[in-house]
C-alpha atoms as a PDB file:
ATOM      1  CA  MET A   1     -16.416  -7.959  51.650  1.00  0.00           C
ATOM      2  CA  SER A   2     -14.241  -5.489  49.244  1.00  0.00           C
ATOM      3  CA  ARG A   3     -11.701  -8.173  48.923  1.00  0.00           C
ATOM      4  CA  ALA A   4     -14.433 -10.304  47.126  1.00  0.00           C
ATOM      5  CA  ILE A   5     -15.488  -7.569  45.239  1.00  0.00           C
ATOM      6  CA  THR A   6     -12.087  -7.158  43.735  1.00  0.00           C
ATOM      7  CA  ALA A   7     -11.723 -10.311  43.031  1.00  0.00           C
ATOM      8  CA  VAL A   8     -15.195 -10.603  41.328  1.00  0.00           C
ATOM      9  CA  LEU A   9     -13.988  -7.523  38.966  1.00  0.00           C
ATOM     10  CA  LEU A  10     -10.276  -9.004  38.274  1.00  0.00           C
ATOM     11  CA  VAL A  11     -12.004 -12.230  37.399  1.00  0.00           C
ATOM     12  CA  ALA A  12     -14.324 -10.400  34.955  1.00  0.00           C
ATOM     13  CA  PHE A  13     -12.150  -8.214  33.271  1.00  0.00           C
ATOM     14  CA  ALA A  14      -9.443 -11.173  32.746  1.00  0.00           C
ATOM     15  CA  ALA A  15     -12.628 -13.171  31.016  1.00  0.00           C
ATOM     16  CA  SER A  16     -13.621  -9.551  29.199  1.00  0.00           C
ATOM     17  CA  SER A  17      -9.702  -9.318  28.109  1.00  0.00           C
ATOM     18  CA  SER A  18      -9.101 -12.909  27.120  1.00  0.00           C
ATOM     19  CA  ALA A  19     -12.530 -12.786  24.766  1.00  0.00           C
ATOM     20  CA  ALA A  20     -11.355  -9.209  23.414  1.00  0.00           C
ATOM     21  CA  GLU A  21      -7.854 -11.121  22.413  1.00  0.00           C
ATOM     22  CA  THR A  22      -9.495 -13.963  21.128  1.00  0.00           C
ATOM     23  CA  ARG A  23     -12.007 -11.958  18.766  1.00  0.00           C
ATOM     24  CA  ALA A  24      -8.603  -9.864  17.743  1.00  0.00           C
ATOM     25  CA  ASP A  25      -7.016 -12.903  16.571  1.00  0.00           C
ATOM     26  CA  ARG A  26      -9.769 -14.125  14.731  1.00  0.00           C
ATOM     27  CA  GLN A  27     -10.462 -10.966  12.755  1.00  0.00           C
ATOM     28  CA  ARG A  28      -6.371 -10.616  12.323  1.00  0.00           C
ATOM     29  CA  THR A  29      -6.537 -14.207  10.933  1.00  0.00           C
ATOM     30  CA  ARG A  30      -9.387 -13.258   8.464  1.00  0.00           C
ATOM     31  CA  ARG A  31      -7.529 -10.191   7.327  1.00  0.00           C
ATOM     32  CA  ILE A  32      -4.384 -11.951   6.714  1.00  0.00           C
ATOM     33  CA  LEU A  33      -6.410 -14.474   4.908  1.00  0.00           C
ATOM     34  CA  ALA A  34      -8.100 -11.971   2.800  1.00  0.00           C
ATOM     35  CA  VAL A  35      -5.086 -10.153   1.908  1.00  0.00           C
ATOM     36  CA  GLY A  36      -3.238 -13.349   0.761  1.00  0.00           C
ATOM     37  CA  GLY A  37      -6.350 -14.141  -1.201  1.00  0.00           C
ATOM     38  CA  ALA A  38      -6.146 -10.672  -2.996  1.00  0.00           C
ATOM     39  CA  LEU A  39      -2.668 -11.002  -3.768  1.00  0.00           C
ATOM     40  CA  VAL A  40      -3.184 -14.649  -5.042  1.00  0.00           C
ATOM     41  CA  VAL A  41      -5.746 -13.501  -7.548  1.00  0.00           C
ATOM     42  CA  TYR A  42      -3.843 -10.335  -8.623  1.00  0.00           C
ATOM     43  CA  ALA A  43      -0.629 -12.512  -9.614  1.00  0.00           C
ATOM     44  CA  THR A  44      -2.758 -15.051 -11.494  1.00  0.00           C
ATOM     45  CA  SER A  45      -4.123 -12.040 -13.564  1.00  0.00           C
ATOM     46  CA  GLU A  46      -0.542 -10.725 -13.747  1.00  0.00           C
ATOM     47  CA  ILE A  47       1.228 -13.983 -14.601  1.00  0.00           C
ATOM     48  CA  VAL A  48      -1.397 -16.343 -15.807  1.00  0.00           C
ATOM     49  CA  LEU A  49      -4.281 -14.389 -17.172  1.00  0.00           C
ATOM     50  CA  LYS A  50      -2.461 -11.099 -18.556  1.00  0.00           C
ATOM     51  CA  SER A  51      -2.678 -12.286 -22.121  1.00  0.00           C
ATOM     52  CA  ALA A  52      -6.211 -12.994 -22.175  1.00  0.00           C
ATOM     53  CA  PHE A  53      -7.539  -9.932 -20.353  1.00  0.00           C
ATOM     54  CA  THR A  54      -5.173  -7.486 -22.222  1.00  0.00           C
ATOM     55  CA  PRO A  55      -6.313  -6.063 -25.578  1.00  0.00           C
ATOM     56  CA  GLU A  56      -4.208  -6.515 -28.686  1.00  0.00           C
ATOM     57  CA  ASN A  57      -4.838  -3.189 -30.027  1.00  0.00           C
ATOM     58  CA  CYS A  58      -5.139  -0.098 -28.093  1.00  0.00           C
ATOM     59  CA  THR A  59      -8.577   1.414 -27.464  1.00  0.00           C
ATOM     60  CA  TRP A  60      -6.932   4.660 -26.021  1.00  0.00           C
ATOM     61  CA  CYS A  61      -4.203   5.362 -28.334  1.00  0.00           C
ATOM     62  CA  SER A  62      -4.392   9.282 -28.601  1.00  0.00           C
ATOM     63  CA  VAL A  63      -1.960  11.538 -26.270  1.00  0.00           C
ATOM     64  CA  PRO A  64      -3.217  14.745 -24.885  1.00  0.00           C
ATOM     65  CA  GLY A  65      -1.581  18.097 -25.287  1.00  0.00           C
ATOM     66  CA  ILE A  66      -0.233  17.752 -21.043  1.00  0.00           C
ATOM     67  CA  ASP A  67       0.635  13.965 -21.565  1.00  0.00           C
ATOM     68  CA  ALA A  68       2.715  14.973 -24.853  1.00  0.00           C
ATOM     69  CA  SER A  69       4.629  18.211 -22.980  1.00  0.00           C
ATOM     70  CA  MET A  70       5.183  16.545 -19.726  1.00  0.00           C
ATOM     71  CA  ARG A  71       7.023  13.488 -21.577  1.00  0.00           C
ATOM     72  CA  SER A  72       9.218  15.677 -23.584  1.00  0.00           C
ATOM     73  CA  HIS A  73      10.297  17.650 -20.391  1.00  0.00           C
ATOM     74  CA  LEU A  74      10.546  14.417 -18.017  1.00  0.00           C
ATOM     75  CA  ARG A  75      11.685  11.692 -20.417  1.00  0.00           C
ATOM     76  CA  TRP A  76      15.083  10.685 -19.653  1.00  0.00           C
ATOM     77  CA  SER A  77      17.920  10.088 -22.327  1.00  0.00           C
ATOM     78  CA  ASP A  78      18.148   6.551 -20.567  1.00  0.00           C
ATOM     79  CA  PRO A  79      14.567   5.730 -19.688  1.00  0.00           C
ATOM     80  CA  GLU A  80      15.715   1.878 -19.194  1.00  0.00           C
ATOM     81  CA  LEU A  81      17.605   3.620 -16.368  1.00  0.00           C
ATOM     82  CA  ALA A  82      14.722   5.159 -14.803  1.00  0.00           C
ATOM     83  CA  ARG A  83      12.386   2.246 -15.590  1.00  0.00           C
ATOM     84  CA  ASP A  84      14.881   0.079 -13.520  1.00  0.00           C
ATOM     85  CA  LEU A  85      14.921   2.714 -10.720  1.00  0.00           C
ATOM     86  CA  SER A  86      11.376   2.656 -10.374  1.00  0.00           C
ATOM     87  CA  ASN A  87      11.243  -0.692 -10.083  1.00  0.00           C
ATOM     88  CA  LEU A  88      13.880  -0.669  -7.192  1.00  0.00           C
ATOM     89  CA  THR A  89      12.076   2.802  -5.497  1.00  0.00           C
ATOM     90  CA  GLY A  90       8.588   0.957  -5.951  1.00  0.00           C
ATOM     91  CA  TYR A  91       9.130  -2.914  -5.444  1.00  0.00           C
ATOM     92  CA  VAL A  92      11.620  -2.732  -2.780  1.00  0.00           C
ATOM     93  CA  LEU A  93      12.431   0.509  -1.043  1.00  0.00           C
ATOM     94  CA  ALA A  94       9.009   1.716  -0.422  1.00  0.00           C
ATOM     95  CA  PRO A  95       7.495  -1.471   1.118  1.00  0.00           C
ATOM     96  CA  LEU A  96      10.958  -2.539   2.784  1.00  0.00           C
ATOM     97  CA  GLY A  97      11.896   1.027   4.276  1.00  0.00           C
ATOM     98  CA  THR A  98       8.188   1.889   5.247  1.00  0.00           C
ATOM     99  CA  GLY A  99       7.767  -1.653   7.211  1.00  0.00           C
ATOM    100  CA  GLY A 100      11.363  -1.368   8.859  1.00  0.00           C
ATOM    101  CA  LEU A 101      10.372   2.383  10.007  1.00  0.00           C
ATOM    102  CA  LEU A 102       6.907   1.156  11.498  1.00  0.00           C
ATOM    103  CA  LEU A 103       8.920  -1.720  13.505  1.00  0.00           C
ATOM    104  CA  LEU A 104      11.275   0.877  14.497  1.00  0.00           C
ATOM    105  CA  ALA A 105       8.510   3.449  15.782  1.00  0.00           C
ATOM    106  CA  SER A 106       6.827   0.232  17.765  1.00  0.00           C
ATOM    107  CA  ARG A 107       9.803   0.036  19.662  1.00  0.00           C
ATOM    108  CA  HIS A 108       7.888   1.854  22.826  1.00  0.00           C
ATOM    109  CA  VAL A 109       5.532  -1.057  23.215  1.00  0.00           C
ATOM    110  CA  ALA A 110       6.415  -3.749  25.774  1.00  0.00           C
ATOM    111  CA  ASP A 111       8.171  -6.664  24.268  1.00  0.00           C
ATOM    112  CA  GLU A 112       4.790  -8.931  24.801  1.00  0.00           C
ATOM    113  CA  GLY A 113       2.820  -6.994  22.473  1.00  0.00           C
ATOM    114  CA  ARG A 114       5.288  -5.188  20.146  1.00  0.00           C
ATOM    115  CA  TRP A 115       5.367  -8.152  17.557  1.00  0.00           C
ATOM    116  CA  MET A 116       1.501  -8.113  17.394  1.00  0.00           C
ATOM    117  CA  THR A 117       1.522  -4.398  17.307  1.00  0.00           C
ATOM    118  CA  PHE A 118       3.772  -4.471  14.388  1.00  0.00           C
ATOM    119  CA  THR A 119       1.974  -7.088  12.639  1.00  0.00           C
ATOM    120  CA  ASP A 120      -1.217  -5.363  12.939  1.00  0.00           C
ATOM    121  CA  ASP A 121       0.155  -2.026  11.227  1.00  0.00           C
ATOM    122  CA  LEU A 122       1.496  -4.115   8.588  1.00  0.00           C
ATOM    123  CA  ILE A 123      -2.109  -5.739   8.018  1.00  0.00           C
ATOM    124  CA  ALA A 124      -3.424  -2.343   7.558  1.00  0.00           C
ATOM    125  CA  VAL A 125      -0.665  -1.302   4.658  1.00  0.00           C
ATOM    126  CA  PHE A 126      -0.718  -4.444   3.113  1.00  0.00           C
ATOM    127  CA  GLU A 127      -4.930  -4.262   2.548  1.00  0.00           C
ATOM    128  CA  ALA A 128      -4.434  -0.651   1.574  1.00  0.00           C
ATOM    129  CA  ALA A 129      -1.666  -2.088  -1.457  1.00  0.00           C
ATOM    130  CA  ALA A 130      -3.437  -5.284  -2.074  1.00  0.00           C
ATOM    131  CA  TYR A 131      -6.743  -4.226  -2.350  1.00  0.00           C
ATOM    132  CA  SER A 132      -5.800  -1.089  -4.480  1.00  0.00           C
ATOM    133  CA  GLN A 133      -3.655  -2.924  -6.829  1.00  0.00           C
ATOM    134  CA  PHE A 134      -6.649  -5.439  -7.515  1.00  0.00           C
ATOM    135  CA  PHE A 135      -8.757  -2.473  -8.882  1.00  0.00           C
ATOM    136  CA  VAL A 136      -5.706  -0.868 -10.910  1.00  0.00           C
ATOM    137  CA  GLN A 137      -5.445  -4.120 -12.601  1.00  0.00           C
ATOM    138  CA  ALA A 138      -9.318  -4.280 -13.548  1.00  0.00           C
ATOM    139  CA  VAL A 139      -9.138  -0.437 -14.806  1.00  0.00           C
ATOM    140  CA  LYS A 140      -5.712  -1.369 -16.718  1.00  0.00           C
ATOM    141  CA  PHE A 141      -7.561  -4.012 -18.579  1.00  0.00           C
ATOM    142  CA  SER A 142     -10.661  -2.189 -19.125  1.00  0.00           C
ATOM    143  CA  PHE A 143      -9.082   1.189 -20.890  1.00  0.00           C
ATOM    144  CA  GLY A 144      -6.174  -0.277 -22.916  1.00  0.00           C
ATOM    145  CA  ARG A 145      -4.165   2.731 -22.661  1.00  0.00           C
ATOM    146  CA  GLN A 146      -0.999   2.493 -25.045  1.00  0.00           C
ATOM    147  CA  ARG A 147       2.345   2.940 -23.244  1.00  0.00           C
ATOM    148  CA  PRO A 148       4.030   5.936 -24.293  1.00  0.00           C
ATOM    149  CA  TYR A 149       7.067   3.888 -25.331  1.00  0.00           C
ATOM    150  CA  VAL A 150       5.106   1.745 -27.779  1.00  0.00           C
ATOM    151  CA  HIS A 151       3.375   5.160 -28.909  1.00  0.00           C
ATOM    152  CA  TYR A 152       6.365   6.990 -29.606  1.00  0.00           C
ATOM    153  CA  ALA A 153       8.657   3.909 -31.174  1.00  0.00           C
ATOM    154  CA  THR A 154      10.520   4.612 -34.384  1.00  0.00           C
ATOM    155  CA  GLU A 155       9.485   1.206 -35.492  1.00  0.00           C
ATOM    156  CA  PRO A 156       6.815  -1.150 -34.621  1.00  0.00           C
ATOM    157  CA  LEU A 157       7.477  -3.016 -31.709  1.00  0.00           C
ATOM    158  CA  PRO A 158       6.667  -6.865 -31.564  1.00  0.00           C
ATOM    159  CA  TYR A 159       3.296  -7.125 -29.539  1.00  0.00           C
ATOM    160  CA  GLU A 160       3.714  -7.675 -25.465  1.00  0.00           C
ATOM    161  CA  ASN A 161       0.783  -8.073 -23.357  1.00  0.00           C
ATOM    162  CA  ASP A 162       2.293  -5.011 -21.536  1.00  0.00           C
ATOM    163  CA  HIS A 163       1.884  -2.826 -24.235  1.00  0.00           C
ATOM    164  CA  ASN A 164      -1.749  -1.477 -23.562  1.00  0.00           C
ATOM    165  CA  VAL A 165      -2.281  -0.911 -19.782  1.00  0.00           C
ATOM    166  CA  SER A 166      -0.534   2.512 -19.182  1.00  0.00           C
ATOM    167  CA  PHE A 167      -3.494   3.700 -17.353  1.00  0.00           C
ATOM    168  CA  PHE A 168      -3.211   4.020 -14.723  1.00  0.00           C
ATOM    169  CA  SER A 169      -0.113   3.693 -12.393  1.00  0.00           C
ATOM    170  CA  GLY A 170       0.136   0.644 -10.521  1.00  0.00           C
ATOM    171  CA  HIS A 171       3.966   1.692  -9.211  1.00  0.00           C
ATOM    172  CA  SER A 172       2.309   4.994  -8.208  1.00  0.00           C
ATOM    173  CA  THR A 173      -0.666   3.602  -6.987  1.00  0.00           C
ATOM    174  CA  LEU A 174       1.232   1.045  -4.713  1.00  0.00           C
ATOM    175  CA  THR A 175       3.824   3.255  -3.040  1.00  0.00           C
ATOM    176  CA  PHE A 176       1.218   6.010  -2.328  1.00  0.00           C
ATOM    177  CA  SER A 177      -1.272   3.661  -0.581  1.00  0.00           C
ATOM    178  CA  ILE A 178       1.921   2.523   1.250  1.00  0.00           C
ATOM    179  CA  ALA A 179       2.986   5.760   2.287  1.00  0.00           C
ATOM    180  CA  VAL A 180      -0.566   7.102   3.409  1.00  0.00           C
ATOM    181  CA  ALA A 181      -1.641   3.830   5.120  1.00  0.00           C
ATOM    182  CA  ALA A 182       1.451   3.601   6.946  1.00  0.00           C
ATOM    183  CA  GLY A 183       1.643   7.447   7.827  1.00  0.00           C
ATOM    184  CA  SER A 184      -2.252   7.139   9.017  1.00  0.00           C
ATOM    185  CA  VAL A 185      -1.424   4.042  11.045  1.00  0.00           C
ATOM    186  CA  ALA A 186       1.649   5.695  12.556  1.00  0.00           C
ATOM    187  CA  THR A 187      -0.303   8.813  13.452  1.00  0.00           C
ATOM    188  CA  ARG A 188      -3.136   6.872  15.066  1.00  0.00           C
ATOM    189  CA  ARG A 189      -0.860   4.899  17.262  1.00  0.00           C
ATOM    190  CA  GLY A 190       0.814   8.041  18.486  1.00  0.00           C
ATOM    191  CA  TYR A 191       4.389   6.937  17.267  1.00  0.00           C
ATOM    192  CA  SER A 192       7.009   9.631  17.631  1.00  0.00           C
ATOM    193  CA  LEU A 193       8.492   8.535  14.269  1.00  0.00           C
ATOM    194  CA  ALA A 194       5.281   9.512  12.490  1.00  0.00           C
ATOM    195  CA  PRO A 195       6.706  12.597  10.708  1.00  0.00           C
ATOM    196  CA  VAL A 196       9.788  10.573   9.618  1.00  0.00           C
ATOM    197  CA  ILE A 197       7.452   7.957   7.986  1.00  0.00           C
ATOM    198  CA  TRP A 198       5.072  10.491   6.419  1.00  0.00           C
ATOM    199  CA  GLY A 199       7.960  12.113   4.972  1.00  0.00           C
ATOM    200  CA  THR A 200      10.119   9.207   3.735  1.00  0.00           C
ATOM    201  CA  SER A 201       7.630   7.064   2.526  1.00  0.00           C
ATOM    202  CA  LEU A 202       5.748  10.234   0.588  1.00  0.00           C
ATOM    203  CA  ALA A 203       9.469  11.060  -0.798  1.00  0.00           C
ATOM    204  CA  LEU A 204       9.684   7.480  -2.086  1.00  0.00           C
ATOM    205  CA  ALA A 205       6.340   7.346  -3.760  1.00  0.00           C
ATOM    206  CA  ALA A 206       6.908  10.972  -5.066  1.00  0.00           C
ATOM    207  CA  THR A 207      10.290   9.569  -6.702  1.00  0.00           C
ATOM    208  CA  THR A 208       8.623   6.478  -8.274  1.00  0.00           C
ATOM    209  CA  ALA A 209       6.015   8.557  -9.852  1.00  0.00           C
ATOM    210  CA  TYR A 210       8.715  10.736 -11.621  1.00  0.00           C
ATOM    211  CA  LEU A 211      10.757   7.838 -12.678  1.00  0.00           C
ATOM    212  CA  ARG A 212       7.651   6.118 -14.054  1.00  0.00           C
ATOM    213  CA  VAL A 213       7.434   8.924 -16.428  1.00  0.00           C
ATOM    214  CA  ALA A 214      11.103   9.658 -16.681  1.00  0.00           C
ATOM    215  CA  GLY A 215      11.213   5.724 -17.962  1.00  0.00           C
ATOM    216  CA  ASP A 216       8.336   6.465 -20.763  1.00  0.00           C
ATOM    217  CA  ARG A 217       6.402   3.560 -19.074  1.00  0.00           C
ATOM    218  CA  HIS A 218       3.574   6.102 -18.491  1.00  0.00           C
ATOM    219  CA  TYR A 219       2.462   9.398 -19.134  1.00  0.00           C
ATOM    220  CA  PHE A 220       1.737  12.069 -16.526  1.00  0.00           C
ATOM    221  CA  THR A 221      -2.323  11.718 -16.182  1.00  0.00           C
ATOM    222  CA  ASP A 222      -1.561   7.944 -15.737  1.00  0.00           C
ATOM    223  CA  VAL A 223       1.062   8.640 -12.377  1.00  0.00           C
ATOM    224  CA  LEU A 224      -1.140  11.347 -11.288  1.00  0.00           C
ATOM    225  CA  THR A 225      -4.284   9.360 -11.284  1.00  0.00           C
ATOM    226  CA  GLY A 226      -2.370   6.487  -9.412  1.00  0.00           C
ATOM    227  CA  SER A 227      -1.104   8.963  -7.177  1.00  0.00           C
ATOM    228  CA  VAL A 228      -4.034  10.048  -6.003  1.00  0.00           C
ATOM    229  CA  PHE A 229      -5.854   7.174  -6.265  1.00  0.00           C
ATOM    230  CA  GLY A 230      -3.107   4.991  -4.093  1.00  0.00           C
ATOM    231  CA  ALA A 231      -3.150   8.147  -1.540  1.00  0.00           C
ATOM    232  CA  ALA A 232      -7.199   7.520  -1.150  1.00  0.00           C
ATOM    233  CA  ALA A 233      -6.559   3.928  -0.699  1.00  0.00           C
ATOM    234  CA  GLY A 234      -4.447   4.663   2.080  1.00  0.00           C
ATOM    235  CA  ILE A 235      -6.977   6.446   3.825  1.00  0.00           C
ATOM    236  CA  VAL A 236     -10.197   4.589   2.832  1.00  0.00           C
ATOM    237  CA  ILE A 237      -9.449   0.859   3.047  1.00  0.00           C
ATOM    238  CA  PRO A 238      -7.800   0.516   6.491  1.00  0.00           C
ATOM    239  CA  ARG A 239     -10.825   2.178   7.441  1.00  0.00           C
ATOM    240  CA  LEU A 240     -13.318   0.159   5.679  1.00  0.00           C
ATOM    241  CA  THR A 241     -11.700  -3.076   6.842  1.00  0.00           C
ATOM    242  CA  GLY A 242     -11.378  -2.069  10.475  1.00  0.00           C
ATOM    243  CA  SER A 243      -7.789  -2.350  10.381  1.00  0.00           C
ATOM    244  CA  LEU A 244      -6.640   1.206  11.422  1.00  0.00           C
ATOM    245  CA  PRO A 245      -5.786   1.166  15.132  1.00  0.00           C
ATOM    246  CA  ASP A 246      -8.024   2.755  17.650  1.00  0.00           C
ATOM    247  CA  ARG A 247      -6.181   6.031  19.057  1.00  0.00           C
ATOM    248  CA  ILE A 248      -6.162   3.955  22.370  1.00  0.00           C
ATOM    249  CA  THR A 249      -5.203   0.095  22.929  1.00  0.00           C
ATOM    250  CA  VAL A 250      -4.854  -1.770  25.911  1.00  0.00           C
ATOM    251  CA  ALA A 251      -2.392  -4.344  25.270  1.00  0.00           C
ATOM    252  CA  PRO A 252      -1.666  -7.365  27.895  1.00  0.00           C
ATOM    253  CA  THR A 253       1.983  -7.649  29.673  1.00  0.00           C
ATOM    254  CA  THR A 254       3.651  -9.678  32.213  1.00  0.00           C
ATOM    255  CA  ASN A 255       3.160  -7.345  34.768  1.00  0.00           C
ATOM    256  CA  GLY A 256      -0.470  -6.232  34.046  1.00  0.00           C
ATOM    257  CA  LEU A 257      -2.039  -4.284  31.328  1.00  0.00           C
ATOM    258  CA  GLN A 258      -0.579  -1.205  29.212  1.00  0.00           C
ATOM    259  CA  VAL A 259      -2.211   1.251  27.500  1.00  0.00           C
ATOM    260  CA  VAL A 260      -0.595   2.424  24.331  1.00  0.00           C
ATOM    261  CA  GLY A 261      -2.088   5.290  22.130  1.00  0.00           C
ATOM    262  CA  SER A 262      -2.224   9.144  21.714  1.00  0.00           C
ATOM    263  CA  PHE A 263      -3.343  11.463  24.030  1.00  0.00           C
END
């Protein structure tokens, strides 16, 4: 009798586990498609439609005292170098470094579940980054703030569609959303490298924000707003989409089930 009950329970648990895996796979696919769609829309607005949406003349042209003061203190004598470095830290080191640390941090997960866990971690980070950039783009087109290198140019510059999109900083938003989302995921997973992920990613984000001012691409209030908004996005978006992992998860392995989480 006890064997029969045990067999029934095992079959029921296996069926429940299989159904849960199917739901998780569907949710994962939907999230990947949604993020991909958001990135396509963003790329289209940046590459194809930017000239149509960006004001030719600034609608926010004045410079508050705090921005003028911070510019005079932080701007490099070679702003182009600072700009190039901000692209390196913002578009290369922050995403790749954070992704690499998340992969390394997931090393304690069984081989059968490690790549799915890593994929889910990346989805949470990509959601925060992609959806926050979508919002930033809309704000930039709406405010039409003139960039500092244009405002302080000694001679009028030939018009470019990037001249009046200073507010607020997309680089700062991107790097802080990546940092906070990745740190939140690592903490929720109970990864031993969570402090390293927090420290490294936030340092890269802060460096990127500083370099945007040093490169004369943004004012202080641009990067401050972007940093705060990016951090908030890293906290809120993965929770709204449901991609922030549970504190305890049950993952299938070849030898049964594995409980992963923080206790």
